[in-house]
């Protein structure tokens, strides 16, 4: 059976996934809101701007409109940045049918509403057949066929398994999960910690500091996630610890690269501009800070990174403040689920 798949968003990740799917022989149509970018994709047969050197398979077609990409598809992959997911879904809405499976691959929390992507999907399209695909997965490696493992998560396990089957290949392994909240929080909040890891590297600190940031960082992520309805065990998996490791240690990570420049003394706005692509961690940190305040969840690393990127405190002062906090026990209650659930209302 020939599967027809639309990919909306031709950044590095959308392109890498489109190439991977087309490489399996599926009919893949990719579209982007930037017309000049679409023209260059068609002309070059590759994404020279975001994923140079990865040639498009013959079964991958670049389209001029989202309607053309979506028409007749059984699966629509949304690969727009998280802060643009709402508009991307809204714009696609007239062309979607109830049978289409919607796969979101963006990692973030919407700043204004503080909603996860699945919550936005439910708001815009009630009953959406929604799946989130997330995990430790750099586009630069997926596009070149390097072994990668991710998670397909949906409240409907059959949908998660359907997406698992579509994406699975000998170089792209997919697990399933029904904890959508946990998968989305892990994918979003690790970007904040990656900013911190980059800042630490930029200041010239070593492996000890990064290990501490990552370990205490996953504790913060789990603490907020569990408070907001996620399962603690999800944060020990690919979309928790796994994604945190890859984002905090690799130069492929925009968040880490941005953090390095901030740690070296560059203003956050200048660092974002120099990265040249969306740095989701900047936006997610703002949202995570607000969520933590609303739900009375202690997130000292997130709070200090928030203050650094908003230029309320310099990075070295933030490190000193974190290192001299009141002493406490290491193992905390978030991992046995004793936190009450916090509901966010607009």
Protein backbone atom coordinates (compact mmCIF):
# COMPACT_ATOMS: atom_id res chain seq x y z
CA UNK A 1 0.00 0.00 0.00
CA UNK A 2 1.36 3.43 -0.96
CA UNK A 3 1.11 5.89 1.90
CA UNK A 4 0.61 9.56 1.06
CA UNK A 5 2.12 11.93 3.58
CA UNK A 6 2.21 15.73 3.82
CA UNK A 7 4.99 17.56 5.66
CA UNK A 8 4.24 21.16 6.56
CA UNK A 9 7.43 23.02 7.38
CA UNK A 10 10.72 22.64 5.51
CA UNK A 11 13.22 23.47 8.21
CA UNK A 12 15.96 20.99 9.00
CA UNK A 13 13.72 18.60 10.96
CA UNK A 14 10.77 18.64 8.57
CA UNK A 15 13.13 18.06 5.67
CA UNK A 16 14.96 15.21 7.42
CA UNK A 17 11.71 13.42 8.20
CA UNK A 18 10.40 13.95 4.68
CA UNK A 19 13.61 12.48 3.25
CA UNK A 20 13.41 9.52 5.63
CA UNK A 21 9.77 8.79 4.74
CA UNK A 22 10.32 9.23 1.01
CA UNK A 23 13.30 6.91 1.31
CA UNK A 24 10.87 4.18 2.31
CA UNK A 25 9.04 4.69 -0.99
CA UNK A 26 6.11 6.71 0.37
CA UNK A 27 4.62 9.57 -1.61
CA UNK A 28 5.75 12.62 0.37
CA UNK A 29 4.80 16.21 -0.36
CA UNK A 30 6.55 18.97 1.55
CA UNK A 31 5.53 22.62 1.79
CA UNK A 32 6.80 25.70 3.59
CA UNK A 33 5.28 29.12 4.25
CA UNK A 34 8.39 30.81 2.80
CA UNK A 35 7.83 30.86 -0.98
CA UNK A 36 11.46 31.74 -1.77
CA UNK A 37 12.56 28.78 0.33
CA UNK A 38 10.12 26.50 -1.54
CA UNK A 39 11.54 27.71 -4.85
CA UNK A 40 15.08 26.96 -3.71
CA UNK A 41 14.11 23.47 -2.51
CA UNK A 42 12.61 22.67 -5.89
CA UNK A 43 15.52 24.17 -7.80
CA UNK A 44 18.30 22.54 -5.76
CA UNK A 45 16.71 19.17 -4.97
CA UNK A 46 17.96 19.61 -1.42
CA UNK A 47 17.59 21.98 1.52
CA UNK A 48 20.83 23.92 1.16
CA UNK A 49 19.79 26.42 3.82
CA UNK A 50 19.00 24.05 6.68
CA UNK A 51 20.13 20.55 5.67
CA UNK A 52 22.82 20.85 2.99
CA UNK A 53 24.13 17.77 1.24
CA UNK A 54 21.00 15.65 1.74
CA UNK A 55 19.43 15.01 -1.67
CA UNK A 56 15.67 14.55 -2.03
CA UNK A 57 14.42 11.09 -3.11
CA UNK A 58 12.32 10.90 -6.28
CA UNK A 59 9.16 10.23 -4.27
CA UNK A 60 9.51 13.55 -2.41
CA UNK A 61 7.70 16.46 -4.06
CA UNK A 62 7.94 20.14 -3.11
CA UNK A 63 4.54 21.84 -3.39
CA UNK A 64 3.50 25.47 -3.77
CA UNK A 65 0.54 25.39 -1.38
CA UNK A 66 -0.40 23.61 1.83
CA UNK A 67 -3.66 22.55 0.16
CA UNK A 68 -1.72 20.77 -2.55
CA UNK A 69 0.47 19.05 0.03
CA UNK A 70 -2.43 17.93 2.23
CA UNK A 71 -4.93 16.82 -0.45
CA UNK A 72 -5.40 13.05 -0.36
CA UNK A 73 -2.88 12.51 2.47
CA UNK A 74 -3.56 10.05 5.25
CA UNK A 75 -0.96 11.66 7.50
CA UNK A 76 -0.02 15.32 7.96
CA UNK A 77 3.27 16.06 9.71
CA UNK A 78 3.46 19.49 11.33
CA UNK A 79 7.10 20.57 11.44
CA UNK A 80 6.67 24.28 12.16
CA UNK A 81 8.37 25.77 15.25
CA UNK A 82 6.28 25.37 18.40
CA UNK A 83 5.36 29.06 18.61
CA UNK A 84 3.88 28.78 15.10
CA UNK A 85 2.05 25.47 15.55
CA UNK A 86 -1.27 27.19 16.26
CA UNK A 87 -1.17 29.22 13.06
CA UNK A 88 0.09 26.25 11.03
CA UNK A 89 -2.80 24.07 12.19
CA UNK A 90 -5.34 26.87 11.76
CA UNK A 91 -4.17 27.51 8.20
CA UNK A 92 -4.29 23.80 7.36
CA UNK A 93 -7.72 23.29 8.93
CA UNK A 94 -9.83 23.86 5.78
CA UNK A 95 -7.99 21.05 3.99
CA UNK A 96 -7.94 18.46 6.78
CA UNK A 97 -10.39 15.57 7.04
CA UNK A 98 -11.42 13.61 10.11
CA UNK A 99 -9.57 10.52 8.90
CA UNK A 100 -6.17 12.20 8.65
CA UNK A 101 -3.60 11.50 11.35
CA UNK A 102 -1.90 14.67 12.60
CA UNK A 103 1.70 14.23 13.69
CA UNK A 104 3.40 17.08 15.53
CA UNK A 105 7.19 17.12 15.74
CA UNK A 106 7.73 20.56 17.32
CA UNK A 107 9.02 20.71 20.90
CA UNK A 108 7.82 23.63 22.97
CA UNK A 109 5.16 25.34 25.05
CA UNK A 110 3.12 28.20 23.61
CA UNK A 111 4.16 31.37 25.41
CA UNK A 112 0.87 33.23 25.71
CA UNK A 113 -1.44 30.33 26.58
CA UNK A 114 1.19 28.10 28.28
CA UNK A 115 -0.35 25.18 26.39
CA UNK A 116 1.33 22.11 25.01
CA UNK A 117 0.92 21.34 21.30
CA UNK A 118 -1.65 18.59 21.92
CA UNK A 119 -3.76 21.02 23.96
CA UNK A 120 -3.67 23.51 21.09
CA UNK A 121 -4.69 20.76 18.65
CA UNK A 122 -7.65 19.80 20.83
CA UNK A 123 -8.69 23.43 21.10
CA UNK A 124 -8.60 24.04 17.35
CA UNK A 125 -9.79 20.66 16.12
CA UNK A 126 -11.86 18.72 18.63
CA UNK A 127 -11.33 14.99 18.28
CA UNK A 128 -8.13 15.41 16.27
CA UNK A 129 -6.27 12.16 15.62
CA UNK A 130 -3.16 13.61 17.22
CA UNK A 131 0.25 12.00 17.69
CA UNK A 132 3.48 13.57 18.93
CA UNK A 133 6.78 12.24 17.59
CA UNK A 134 9.69 13.15 19.85
CA UNK A 135 13.02 11.98 21.18
CA UNK A 136 16.81 12.42 20.84
CA UNK A 137 16.95 13.14 17.13
CA UNK A 138 19.16 15.68 15.38
CA UNK A 139 17.96 16.41 11.85
CA UNK A 140 21.55 16.43 10.61
CA UNK A 141 21.86 12.75 11.55
CA UNK A 142 18.37 11.54 10.60
CA UNK A 143 18.68 13.13 7.16
CA UNK A 144 21.88 11.15 6.58
CA UNK A 145 20.41 7.84 7.73
CA UNK A 146 22.27 7.59 11.05
CA UNK A 147 20.67 5.30 13.68
CA UNK A 148 18.06 7.20 15.70
CA UNK A 149 15.37 6.20 18.18
CA UNK A 150 12.24 8.23 19.00
CA UNK A 151 8.80 7.87 20.58
CA UNK A 152 5.35 8.01 18.98
CA UNK A 153 2.87 9.12 21.65
CA UNK A 154 -0.92 9.33 21.54
CA UNK A 155 -3.76 8.79 23.97
CA UNK A 156 -4.99 6.32 21.36
CA UNK A 157 -2.39 3.53 21.30
CA UNK A 158 -3.60 2.39 17.87
CA UNK A 159 -2.72 5.80 16.41
CA UNK A 160 0.67 5.70 18.10
CA UNK A 161 1.29 2.26 16.59
CA UNK A 162 0.15 3.43 13.15
CA UNK A 163 2.70 6.25 13.21
CA UNK A 164 5.28 3.81 14.57
CA UNK A 165 4.77 1.56 11.56
CA UNK A 166 4.92 4.45 9.08
CA UNK A 167 8.17 5.92 10.38
CA UNK A 168 10.00 2.76 11.45
CA UNK A 169 13.01 1.72 9.36
CA UNK A 170 16.31 -0.05 9.82
CA UNK A 171 17.90 3.28 10.83
CA UNK A 172 14.90 4.93 12.54
CA UNK A 173 13.46 2.96 15.46
CA UNK A 174 10.17 4.10 17.01
CA UNK A 175 8.71 3.18 20.40
CA UNK A 176 5.15 3.96 21.53
CA UNK A 177 3.77 5.69 24.61
CA UNK A 178 0.35 6.93 25.73
CA UNK A 179 1.69 9.63 28.07
CA UNK A 180 1.36 12.57 25.68
CA UNK A 181 1.87 15.14 28.45
CA UNK A 182 5.11 13.52 29.61
CA UNK A 183 6.50 13.22 26.09
CA UNK A 184 5.64 16.84 25.27
CA UNK A 185 6.99 18.26 28.52
CA UNK A 186 10.22 16.29 28.18
CA UNK A 187 10.78 17.45 24.63
CA UNK A 188 10.03 21.07 25.46
CA UNK A 189 11.68 21.61 28.83
CA UNK A 190 14.99 19.94 27.98
CA UNK A 191 15.65 22.94 25.71
CA UNK A 192 15.88 25.17 28.78
CA UNK A 193 18.43 22.90 30.40
CA UNK A 194 20.37 22.75 27.12
CA UNK A 195 20.61 26.54 27.19
CA UNK A 196 22.06 26.24 30.69
CA UNK A 197 24.51 23.56 29.57
CA UNK A 198 25.67 25.83 26.76
CA UNK A 199 26.03 28.79 29.11
CA UNK A 200 28.13 26.60 31.40
CA UNK A 201 30.35 25.56 28.47
CA UNK A 202 30.63 29.16 27.32
CA UNK A 203 31.91 30.19 30.74
CA UNK A 204 34.58 27.51 30.52
CA UNK A 205 33.18 25.13 33.12
CA UNK A 206 33.75 21.40 32.80
CA UNK A 207 32.01 18.05 32.75
CA UNK A 208 31.17 18.17 36.44
CA UNK A 209 29.04 21.28 36.02
CA UNK A 210 27.26 19.89 32.95
CA UNK A 211 26.53 16.57 34.67
CA UNK A 212 25.03 18.46 37.61
CA UNK A 213 22.89 20.64 35.34
CA UNK A 214 21.57 17.66 33.42
CA UNK A 215 20.83 15.55 36.49
CA UNK A 216 19.18 18.31 38.48
CA UNK A 217 17.57 19.54 35.28
CA UNK A 218 15.69 16.30 34.64
CA UNK A 219 14.48 16.47 38.26
CA UNK A 220 12.99 19.90 37.57
CA UNK A 221 11.43 18.74 34.32
CA UNK A 222 9.83 15.73 36.00
CA UNK A 223 8.67 17.81 38.96
CA UNK A 224 6.71 20.21 36.75
CA UNK A 225 5.56 17.50 34.36
CA UNK A 226 4.12 15.29 37.11
CA UNK A 227 2.43 18.31 38.67
CA UNK A 228 0.73 18.91 35.32
CA UNK A 229 -0.46 15.34 34.82
CA UNK A 230 2.50 13.51 33.26
CA UNK A 231 3.84 10.14 34.40
CA UNK A 232 7.17 10.27 36.25
CA UNK A 233 8.55 7.21 34.43
CA UNK A 234 8.29 8.93 31.04
CA UNK A 235 11.10 11.28 32.05
CA UNK A 236 13.48 8.34 32.48
CA UNK A 237 13.02 7.41 28.83
CA UNK A 238 13.95 8.64 25.38
CA UNK A 239 11.89 11.83 25.51
CA UNK A 240 13.21 12.69 28.97
CA UNK A 241 16.78 11.73 29.78
CA UNK A 242 17.50 10.66 26.20
CA UNK A 243 16.55 13.97 24.61
CA UNK A 244 18.22 15.88 27.45
CA UNK A 245 21.55 14.11 26.85
CA UNK A 246 21.64 14.74 23.12
CA UNK A 247 20.57 18.39 23.39
CA UNK A 248 22.98 19.27 26.19
CA UNK A 249 26.06 17.64 24.66
CA UNK A 250 25.91 18.16 20.89
CA UNK A 251 26.95 21.11 18.74
CA UNK A 252 24.00 20.23 16.50
CA UNK A 253 21.83 21.65 19.31
CA UNK A 254 20.76 25.25 18.59
CA UNK A 255 19.93 25.70 22.26
CA UNK A 256 23.38 24.65 23.42
CA UNK A 257 25.09 26.78 20.75
CA UNK A 258 23.00 29.78 21.77
CA UNK A 259 23.86 29.15 25.41
CA UNK A 260 27.57 28.96 24.66
CA UNK A 261 27.51 32.42 23.12
CA UNK A 262 25.53 33.81 26.06
CA UNK A 263 28.05 32.24 28.44
CA UNK A 264 30.82 33.97 26.50
CA UNK A 265 29.17 37.32 27.12
CA UNK A 266 26.96 37.82 24.07
CA UNK A 267 23.48 39.28 24.57
CA UNK A 268 20.73 36.63 24.20
CA UNK A 269 19.10 38.51 21.30
CA UNK A 270 22.42 38.61 19.45
CA UNK A 271 23.10 34.93 20.17
CA UNK A 272 19.70 33.92 18.80
CA UNK A 273 20.32 35.92 15.64
CA UNK A 274 23.74 34.34 15.14
CA UNK A 275 22.34 30.80 15.47
CA UNK A 276 20.21 31.59 12.41
CA UNK A 277 17.34 29.25 13.26
CA UNK A 278 14.62 29.22 15.91
CA UNK A 279 16.02 28.66 19.41
CA UNK A 280 13.01 27.05 21.07
CA UNK A 281 14.61 27.09 24.51
CA UNK A 282 14.40 30.87 24.75
CA UNK A 283 10.61 30.79 24.34
CA UNK A 284 10.10 27.62 26.37
CA UNK A 285 12.06 29.03 29.30
CA UNK A 286 9.68 31.97 29.49
CA UNK A 287 6.67 29.62 29.46
CA UNK A 288 8.20 27.15 31.94
CA UNK A 289 8.98 30.00 34.34
CA UNK A 290 5.33 31.12 34.22
CA UNK A 291 4.02 27.56 34.63
CA UNK A 292 6.25 26.98 37.65
CA UNK A 293 4.99 30.16 39.29
CA UNK A 294 1.34 29.36 38.62
CA UNK A 295 1.65 25.82 39.96
CA UNK A 296 4.01 26.65 42.83
CA UNK A 297 6.68 24.26 41.57
CA UNK A 298 10.29 24.83 42.58
CA UNK A 299 12.53 25.09 39.47
CA UNK A 300 15.71 26.94 40.49
CA UNK A 301 17.72 26.13 37.35
CA UNK A 302 14.90 27.23 35.08
CA UNK A 303 14.36 30.37 37.14
CA UNK A 304 18.00 31.40 36.94
CA UNK A 305 18.25 30.68 33.22
CA UNK A 306 15.13 32.82 32.80
CA UNK A 307 16.84 35.66 34.66
CA UNK A 308 20.02 35.31 32.58
CA UNK A 309 18.28 35.37 29.18
CA UNK A 310 16.18 38.34 30.32
CA UNK A 311 19.38 40.08 31.45
CA UNK A 312 18.24 40.39 35.06
CA UNK A 313 21.37 38.67 36.35
CA UNK A 314 24.69 37.71 34.78
CA UNK A 315 25.58 34.08 34.26
CA UNK A 316 28.31 33.89 36.90
CA UNK A 317 26.05 35.35 39.56
CA UNK A 318 23.42 32.76 38.59
CA UNK A 319 25.91 29.94 39.08
CA UNK A 320 26.87 31.25 42.51
CA UNK A 321 23.21 31.56 43.51
CA UNK A 322 22.49 27.98 42.43
CA UNK A 323 25.56 26.55 44.15
CA UNK A 324 24.83 28.30 47.47
CA UNK A 325 21.13 27.45 47.77
CA UNK A 326 19.88 25.99 51.02
CA UNK A 327 21.04 22.40 51.47
CA UNK A 328 18.50 19.64 50.86
CA UNK A 329 17.97 15.91 50.26
CA UNK A 330 18.63 14.68 46.71
CA UNK A 331 15.67 12.36 46.09
CA UNK A 332 12.43 14.29 45.88
CA UNK A 333 8.75 13.52 45.83
CA UNK A 334 8.11 14.11 42.13
CA UNK A 335 9.24 10.59 41.31
CA UNK A 336 6.64 8.83 43.47
CA UNK A 337 3.75 10.91 42.13
CA UNK A 338 2.66 12.55 45.39
CA UNK A 339 2.26 16.00 43.86
CA UNK A 340 -1.31 17.16 43.38
CA UNK A 341 -2.20 17.94 39.77
CA UNK A 342 -2.15 21.58 38.75
CA UNK A 343 -4.71 22.74 36.17
CA UNK A 344 -3.84 25.72 33.98
CA UNK A 345 -6.70 28.05 33.14
CA UNK A 346 -6.50 31.06 30.87
